[in-house]
């Protein structure tokens, strides 16, 4: 997985955009799950995958193992 980050400030809140690259087999799994729910892969990631991951992952593990982010060019 590759993450490319870019931060923006909107209404005093820092928002970070990112791009994610997946292997074909992982993308097929996500596409199938999204189709089953009648939503797009992006909606699945935003509404289901990321919130579930944040709830289930202990904060210390996230902070210690977060992948590096490439600086904006």
PDB file of N, CA and C in Angstrom:
ATOM      1  N   UNK A   1       0.847  -1.168   0.000  1.00  0.00           N
ATOM      2  CA  UNK A   1       0.000   0.000   0.000  1.00  0.00           C
ATOM      3  C   UNK A   1       0.894   1.232   0.000  1.00  0.00           C
ATOM      4  N   UNK A   2       0.516   2.220  -0.780  1.00  0.00           N
ATOM      5  CA  UNK A   2       1.259   3.468  -0.860  1.00  0.00           C
ATOM      6  C   UNK A   2       0.353   4.606  -0.431  1.00  0.00           C
ATOM      7  N   UNK A   3       0.844   5.463   0.438  1.00  0.00           N
ATOM      8  CA  UNK A   3       0.090   6.628   0.860  1.00  0.00           C
ATOM      9  C   UNK A   3       0.821   7.887   0.434  1.00  0.00           C
ATOM     10  N   UNK A   4       0.094   8.790  -0.182  1.00  0.00           N
ATOM     11  CA  UNK A   4       0.631  10.087  -0.543  1.00  0.00           C
ATOM     12  C   UNK A   4      -0.220  11.120   0.176  1.00  0.00           C
ATOM     13  N   UNK A   5       0.356  11.951   1.012  1.00  0.00           N
ATOM     14  CA  UNK A   5      -0.436  12.870   1.815  1.00  0.00           C
ATOM     15  C   UNK A   5      -0.303  14.317   1.391  1.00  0.00           C
ATOM     16  N   UNK A   6      -1.384  15.062   1.585  1.00  0.00           N
ATOM     17  CA  UNK A   6      -1.396  16.498   1.352  1.00  0.00           C
ATOM     18  C   UNK A   6      -2.393  17.098   2.329  1.00  0.00           C
ATOM     19  N   UNK A   7      -1.970  18.031   3.151  1.00  0.00           N
ATOM     20  CA  UNK A   7      -2.845  18.623   4.156  1.00  0.00           C
ATOM     21  C   UNK A   7      -3.441  19.923   3.654  1.00  0.00           C
ATOM     22  N   UNK A   8      -4.668  20.208   4.091  1.00  0.00           N
ATOM     23  CA  UNK A   8      -5.346  21.465   3.792  1.00  0.00           C
ATOM     24  C   UNK A   8      -6.086  21.888   5.049  1.00  0.00           C
ATOM     25  N   UNK A   9      -6.230  23.182   5.248  1.00  0.00           N
ATOM     26  CA  UNK A   9      -6.977  23.688   6.395  1.00  0.00           C
ATOM     27  C   UNK A   9      -8.302  24.232   5.883  1.00  0.00           C
ATOM     28  N   UNK A  10      -9.394  23.669   6.395  1.00  0.00           N
ATOM     29  CA  UNK A  10     -10.741  24.079   5.994  1.00  0.00           C
ATOM     30  C   UNK A  10     -11.511  24.403   7.260  1.00  0.00           C
ATOM     31  N   UNK A  11     -11.935  25.642   7.393  1.00  0.00           N
ATOM     32  CA  UNK A  11     -12.685  26.046   8.577  1.00  0.00           C
ATOM     33  C   UNK A  11     -11.924  25.829   9.873  1.00  0.00           C
ATOM     34  N   UNK A  12     -10.605  25.983   9.833  1.00  0.00           N
ATOM     35  CA  UNK A  12      -9.774  25.805  11.023  1.00  0.00           C
ATOM     36  C   UNK A  12      -9.454  24.356  11.355  1.00  0.00           C
ATOM     37  N   UNK A  13      -9.918  23.419  10.525  1.00  0.00           N
ATOM     38  CA  UNK A  13      -9.661  21.990  10.741  1.00  0.00           C
ATOM     39  C   UNK A  13      -8.665  21.506   9.695  1.00  0.00           C
ATOM     40  N   UNK A  14      -7.638  20.766  10.137  1.00  0.00           N
ATOM     41  CA  UNK A  14      -6.659  20.225   9.203  1.00  0.00           C
ATOM     42  C   UNK A  14      -7.216  18.939   8.601  1.00  0.00           C
ATOM     43  N   UNK A  15      -7.329  18.914   7.285  1.00  0.00           N
ATOM     44  CA  UNK A  15      -7.794  17.735   6.559  1.00  0.00           C
ATOM     45  C   UNK A  15      -6.647  17.211   5.723  1.00  0.00           C
ATOM     46  N   UNK A  16      -6.444  15.904   5.734  1.00  0.00           N
ATOM     47  CA  UNK A  16      -5.372  15.303   4.955  1.00  0.00           C
ATOM     48  C   UNK A  16      -5.966  14.413   3.874  1.00  0.00           C
ATOM     49  N   UNK A  17      -5.531  14.636   2.638  1.00  0.00           N
ATOM     50  CA  UNK A  17      -5.944  13.795   1.523  1.00  0.00           C
ATOM     51  C   UNK A  17      -4.892  12.714   1.346  1.00  0.00           C
ATOM     52  N   UNK A  18      -5.310  11.572   0.820  1.00  0.00           N
ATOM     53  CA  UNK A  18      -4.332  10.542   0.536  1.00  0.00           C
ATOM     54  C   UNK A  18      -4.759   9.719  -0.668  1.00  0.00           C
ATOM     55  N   UNK A  19      -3.788   9.100  -1.288  1.00  0.00           N
ATOM     56  CA  UNK A  19      -4.023   8.197  -2.402  1.00  0.00           C
ATOM     57  C   UNK A  19      -3.535   6.823  -1.960  1.00  0.00           C
ATOM     58  N   UNK A  20      -4.303   5.799  -2.265  1.00  0.00           N
ATOM     59  CA  UNK A  20      -3.945   4.459  -1.837  1.00  0.00           C
ATOM     60  C   UNK A  20      -3.854   3.549  -3.055  1.00  0.00           C
ATOM     61  N   UNK A  21      -2.792   2.768  -3.122  1.00  0.00           N
ATOM     62  CA  UNK A  21      -2.616   1.778  -4.183  1.00  0.00           C
ATOM     63  C   UNK A  21      -2.832   0.397  -3.592  1.00  0.00           C
ATOM     64  N   UNK A  22      -3.586  -0.443  -4.318  1.00  0.00           N
ATOM     65  CA  UNK A  22      -3.882  -1.797  -3.851  1.00  0.00           C
ATOM     66  C   UNK A  22      -3.476  -2.810  -4.901  1.00  0.00           C
ATOM     67  N   UNK A  23      -3.167  -3.994  -4.450  1.00  0.00           N
ATOM     68  CA  UNK A  23      -2.949  -5.101  -5.382  1.00  0.00           C
ATOM     69  C   UNK A  23      -4.287  -5.453  -6.014  1.00  0.00           C
ATOM     70  N   UNK A  24      -4.250  -6.031  -7.214  1.00  0.00           N
ATOM     71  CA  UNK A  24      -5.466  -6.359  -7.944  1.00  0.00           C
ATOM     72  C   UNK A  24      -6.423  -7.230  -7.139  1.00  0.00           C
ATOM     73  N   UNK A  25      -5.889  -8.242  -6.451  1.00  0.00           N
ATOM     74  CA  UNK A  25      -6.769  -9.146  -5.710  1.00  0.00           C
ATOM     75  C   UNK A  25      -7.484  -8.434  -4.569  1.00  0.00           C
ATOM     76  N   UNK A  26      -6.806  -7.488  -3.913  1.00  0.00           N
ATOM     77  CA  UNK A  26      -7.441  -6.719  -2.837  1.00  0.00           C
ATOM     78  C   UNK A  26      -8.523  -5.801  -3.388  1.00  0.00           C
ATOM     79  N   UNK A  27      -8.239  -5.197  -4.532  1.00  0.00           N
ATOM     80  CA  UNK A  27      -9.226  -4.318  -5.151  1.00  0.00           C
ATOM     81  C   UNK A  27     -10.463  -5.115  -5.572  1.00  0.00           C
ATOM     82  N   UNK A  28     -10.265  -6.321  -6.073  1.00  0.00           N
ATOM     83  CA  UNK A  28     -11.407  -7.163  -6.459  1.00  0.00           C
ATOM     84  C   UNK A  28     -12.279  -7.493  -5.249  1.00  0.00           C
ATOM     85  N   UNK A  29     -11.668  -7.780  -4.116  1.00  0.00           N
ATOM     86  CA  UNK A  29     -12.429  -8.065  -2.895  1.00  0.00           C
ATOM     87  C   UNK A  29     -13.248  -6.840  -2.489  1.00  0.00           C
ATOM     88  N   UNK A  30     -12.616  -5.671  -2.490  1.00  0.00           N
ATOM     89  CA  UNK A  30     -13.328  -4.439  -2.128  1.00  0.00           C
ATOM     90  C   UNK A  30     -14.441  -4.131  -3.122  1.00  0.00           C
ATOM     91  N   UNK A  31     -14.179  -4.336  -4.406  1.00  0.00           N
ATOM     92  CA  UNK A  31     -15.188  -4.082  -5.424  1.00  0.00           C
ATOM     93  C   UNK A  31     -16.397  -4.990  -5.216  1.00  0.00           C
ATOM     94  N   UNK A  32     -16.141  -6.261  -4.937  1.00  0.00           N
ATOM     95  CA  UNK A  32     -17.237  -7.196  -4.681  1.00  0.00           C
ATOM     96  C   UNK A  32     -18.069  -6.790  -3.473  1.00  0.00           C
ATOM     97  N   UNK A  33     -17.404  -6.388  -2.395  1.00  0.00           N
ATOM     98  CA  UNK A  33     -18.117  -5.960  -1.185  1.00  0.00           C
ATOM     99  C   UNK A  33     -18.936  -4.699  -1.458  1.00  0.00           C
ATOM    100  N   UNK A  34     -18.378  -3.785  -2.250  1.00  0.00           N
ATOM    101  CA  UNK A  34     -19.099  -2.547  -2.580  1.00  0.00           C
ATOM    102  C   UNK A  34     -20.321  -2.846  -3.447  1.00  0.00           C
ATOM    103  N   UNK A  35     -20.159  -3.698  -4.431  1.00  0.00           N
ATOM    104  CA  UNK A  35     -21.277  -4.067  -5.309  1.00  0.00           C
ATOM    105  C   UNK A  35     -22.388  -4.728  -4.494  1.00  0.00           C
ATOM    106  N   UNK A  36     -22.013  -5.613  -3.572  1.00  0.00           N
ATOM    107  CA  UNK A  36     -23.008  -6.275  -2.718  1.00  0.00           C
ATOM    108  C   UNK A  36     -23.839  -5.266  -1.923  1.00  0.00           C
ATOM    109  N   UNK A  37     -23.232  -4.147  -1.560  1.00  0.00           N
ATOM    110  CA  UNK A  37     -23.924  -3.116  -0.774  1.00  0.00           C
ATOM    111  C   UNK A  37     -24.554  -2.035  -1.650  1.00  0.00           C
ATOM    112  N   UNK A  38     -24.293  -2.079  -2.946  1.00  0.00           N
ATOM    113  CA  UNK A  38     -24.850  -1.074  -3.854  1.00  0.00           C
ATOM    114  C   UNK A  38     -24.188   0.287  -3.744  1.00  0.00           C
ATOM    115  N   UNK A  39     -22.892   0.289  -3.389  1.00  0.00           N
ATOM    116  CA  UNK A  39     -22.149   1.542  -3.245  1.00  0.00           C
ATOM    117  C   UNK A  39     -20.832   1.434  -4.006  1.00  0.00           C
ATOM    118  N   UNK A  40     -20.110   2.552  -4.099  1.00  0.00           N
ATOM    119  CA  UNK A  40     -18.810   2.549  -4.765  1.00  0.00           C
ATOM    120  C   UNK A  40     -17.723   2.090  -3.792  1.00  0.00           C
ATOM    121  N   UNK A  41     -16.566   1.765  -4.335  1.00  0.00           N
ATOM    122  CA  UNK A  41     -15.428   1.366  -3.493  1.00  0.00           C
ATOM    123  C   UNK A  41     -15.043   2.529  -2.586  1.00  0.00           C
ATOM    124  N   UNK A  42     -15.045   3.744  -3.102  1.00  0.00           N
ATOM    125  CA  UNK A  42     -14.704   4.908  -2.285  1.00  0.00           C
ATOM    126  C   UNK A  42     -15.682   5.062  -1.114  1.00  0.00           C
ATOM    127  N   UNK A  43     -16.970   4.889  -1.374  1.00  0.00           N
ATOM    128  CA  UNK A  43     -17.955   4.976  -0.296  1.00  0.00           C
ATOM    129  C   UNK A  43     -17.747   3.860   0.729  1.00  0.00           C
ATOM    130  N   UNK A  44     -17.421   2.665   0.258  1.00  0.00           N
ATOM    131  CA  UNK A  44     -17.151   1.546   1.160  1.00  0.00           C
ATOM    132  C   UNK A  44     -15.972   1.866   2.080  1.00  0.00           C
ATOM    133  N   UNK A  45     -14.913   2.405   1.503  1.00  0.00           N
ATOM    134  CA  UNK A  45     -13.736   2.759   2.310  1.00  0.00           C
ATOM    135  C   UNK A  45     -14.084   3.830   3.337  1.00  0.00           C
ATOM    136  N   UNK A  46     -14.777   4.874   2.912  1.00  0.00           N
ATOM    137  CA  UNK A  46     -15.105   5.988   3.814  1.00  0.00           C
ATOM    138  C   UNK A  46     -16.106   5.606   4.895  1.00  0.00           C
ATOM    139  N   UNK A  47     -17.137   4.853   4.522  1.00  0.00           N
ATOM    140  CA  UNK A  47     -18.239   4.598   5.447  1.00  0.00           C
ATOM    141  C   UNK A  47     -18.087   3.328   6.267  1.00  0.00           C
ATOM    142  N   UNK A  48     -17.326   2.350   5.781  1.00  0.00           N
ATOM    143  CA  UNK A  48     -17.265   1.053   6.456  1.00  0.00           C
ATOM    144  C   UNK A  48     -15.845   0.685   6.881  1.00  0.00           C
ATOM    145  N   UNK A  49     -14.944   0.584   5.926  1.00  0.00           N
ATOM    146  CA  UNK A  49     -13.602   0.058   6.194  1.00  0.00           C
ATOM    147  C   UNK A  49     -12.821   0.942   7.168  1.00  0.00           C
ATOM    148  N   UNK A  50     -12.686   2.214   6.864  1.00  0.00           N
ATOM    149  CA  UNK A  50     -11.873   3.094   7.715  1.00  0.00           C
ATOM    150  C   UNK A  50     -12.482   3.248   9.110  1.00  0.00           C
ATOM    151  N   UNK A  51     -13.795   3.542   9.249  1.00  0.00           N
ATOM    152  CA  UNK A  51     -14.344   3.650  10.611  1.00  0.00           C
ATOM    153  C   UNK A  51     -14.187   2.366  11.430  1.00  0.00           C
ATOM    154  N   UNK A  52     -14.406   1.197  10.814  1.00  0.00           N
ATOM    155  CA  UNK A  52     -14.223  -0.062  11.545  1.00  0.00           C
ATOM    156  C   UNK A  52     -12.777  -0.258  11.968  1.00  0.00           C
ATOM    157  N   UNK A  53     -11.849   0.068  11.083  1.00  0.00           N
ATOM    158  CA  UNK A  53     -10.424  -0.083  11.395  1.00  0.00           C
ATOM    159  C   UNK A  53     -10.031   0.835  12.549  1.00  0.00           C
ATOM    160  N   UNK A  54     -10.518   2.074  12.529  1.00  0.00           N
ATOM    161  CA  UNK A  54     -10.182   3.026  13.589  1.00  0.00           C
ATOM    162  C   UNK A  54     -10.733   2.549  14.934  1.00  0.00           C
ATOM    163  N   UNK A  55     -11.957   2.012  14.941  1.00  0.00           N
ATOM    164  CA  UNK A  55     -12.564   1.523  16.189  1.00  0.00           C
ATOM    165  C   UNK A  55     -11.819   0.312  16.749  1.00  0.00           C
ATOM    166  N   UNK A  56     -11.357  -0.572  15.884  1.00  0.00           N
ATOM    167  CA  UNK A  56     -10.772  -1.835  16.327  1.00  0.00           C
ATOM    168  C   UNK A  56      -9.267  -1.791  16.563  1.00  0.00           C
ATOM    169  N   UNK A  57      -8.575  -0.784  16.064  1.00  0.00           N
ATOM    170  CA  UNK A  57      -7.126  -0.720  16.169  1.00  0.00           C
ATOM    171  C   UNK A  57      -6.716   0.135  17.367  1.00  0.00           C
ATOM    172  N   UNK A  58      -5.983  -0.431  18.326  1.00  0.00           N
ATOM    173  CA  UNK A  58      -5.519   0.368  19.465  1.00  0.00           C
ATOM    174  C   UNK A  58      -4.674   1.560  18.993  1.00  0.00           C
ATOM    175  N   UNK A  59      -4.889   2.699  19.587  1.00  0.00           N
ATOM    176  CA  UNK A  59      -4.234   3.938  19.149  1.00  0.00           C
ATOM    177  C   UNK A  59      -2.709   3.830  19.142  1.00  0.00           C
ATOM    178  N   UNK A  60      -2.110   3.182  20.108  1.00  0.00           N
ATOM    179  CA  UNK A  60      -0.653   3.051  20.166  1.00  0.00           C
ATOM    180  C   UNK A  60      -0.098   2.290  18.973  1.00  0.00           C
ATOM    181  N   UNK A  61      -0.810   1.285  18.532  1.00  0.00           N
ATOM    182  CA  UNK A  61      -0.366   0.504  17.371  1.00  0.00           C
ATOM    183  C   UNK A  61      -0.408   1.353  16.117  1.00  0.00           C
ATOM    184  N   UNK A  62      -1.450   2.138  15.965  1.00  0.00           N
ATOM    185  CA  UNK A  62      -1.585   3.000  14.787  1.00  0.00           C
ATOM    186  C   UNK A  62      -0.436   3.994  14.727  1.00  0.00           C
ATOM    187  N   UNK A  63      -0.153   4.656  15.839  1.00  0.00           N
ATOM    188  CA  UNK A  63       0.889   5.684  15.860  1.00  0.00           C
ATOM    189  C   UNK A  63       2.275   5.096  15.613  1.00  0.00           C
ATOM    190  N   UNK A  64       2.552   3.912  16.164  1.00  0.00           N
ATOM    191  CA  UNK A  64       3.882   3.315  16.044  1.00  0.00           C
ATOM    192  C   UNK A  64       4.163   2.719  14.672  1.00  0.00           C
ATOM    193  N   UNK A  65       3.132   2.253  13.981  1.00  0.00           N
ATOM    194  CA  UNK A  65       3.347   1.533  12.732  1.00  0.00           C
ATOM    195  C   UNK A  65       2.827   2.260  11.495  1.00  0.00           C
ATOM    196  N   UNK A  66       2.487   3.532  11.620  1.00  0.00           N
ATOM    197  CA  UNK A  66       1.922   4.263  10.494  1.00  0.00           C
ATOM    198  C   UNK A  66       2.957   4.391   9.381  1.00  0.00           C
ATOM    199  N   UNK A  67       2.573   4.107   8.133  1.00  0.00           N
ATOM    200  CA  UNK A  67       3.538   4.208   7.035  1.00  0.00           C
ATOM    201  C   UNK A  67       3.991   5.652   6.822  1.00  0.00           C
ATOM    202  N   UNK A  68       5.165   5.805   6.278  1.00  0.00           N
ATOM    203  CA  UNK A  68       5.660   7.158   6.031  1.00  0.00           C
ATOM    204  C   UNK A  68       4.853   7.798   4.904  1.00  0.00           C
ATOM    205  N   UNK A  69       4.755   9.108   4.970  1.00  0.00           N
ATOM    206  CA  UNK A  69       3.992   9.862   3.980  1.00  0.00           C
ATOM    207  C   UNK A  69       4.966  10.699   3.168  1.00  0.00           C
ATOM    208  N   UNK A  70       4.833  10.627   1.870  1.00  0.00           N
ATOM    209  CA  UNK A  70       5.730  11.403   0.992  1.00  0.00           C
ATOM    210  C   UNK A  70       5.347  12.871   1.068  1.00  0.00           C
ATOM    211  N   UNK A  71       6.341  13.763   1.126  1.00  0.00           N
ATOM    212  CA  UNK A  71       6.039  15.195   1.170  1.00  0.00           C
ATOM    213  C   UNK A  71       5.416  15.666  -0.136  1.00  0.00           C
ATOM    214  N   UNK A  72       4.603  16.690  -0.034  1.00  0.00           N
ATOM    215  CA  UNK A  72       3.971  17.282  -1.209  1.00  0.00           C
ATOM    216  C   UNK A  72       5.013  17.970  -2.076  1.00  0.00           C
ATOM    217  N   UNK A  73       4.906  17.807  -3.369  1.00  0.00           N
ATOM    218  CA  UNK A  73       5.881  18.416  -4.284  1.00  0.00           C
ATOM    219  C   UNK A  73       5.444  19.767  -4.748  1.00  0.00           C
TER     220      UNK A  73
END
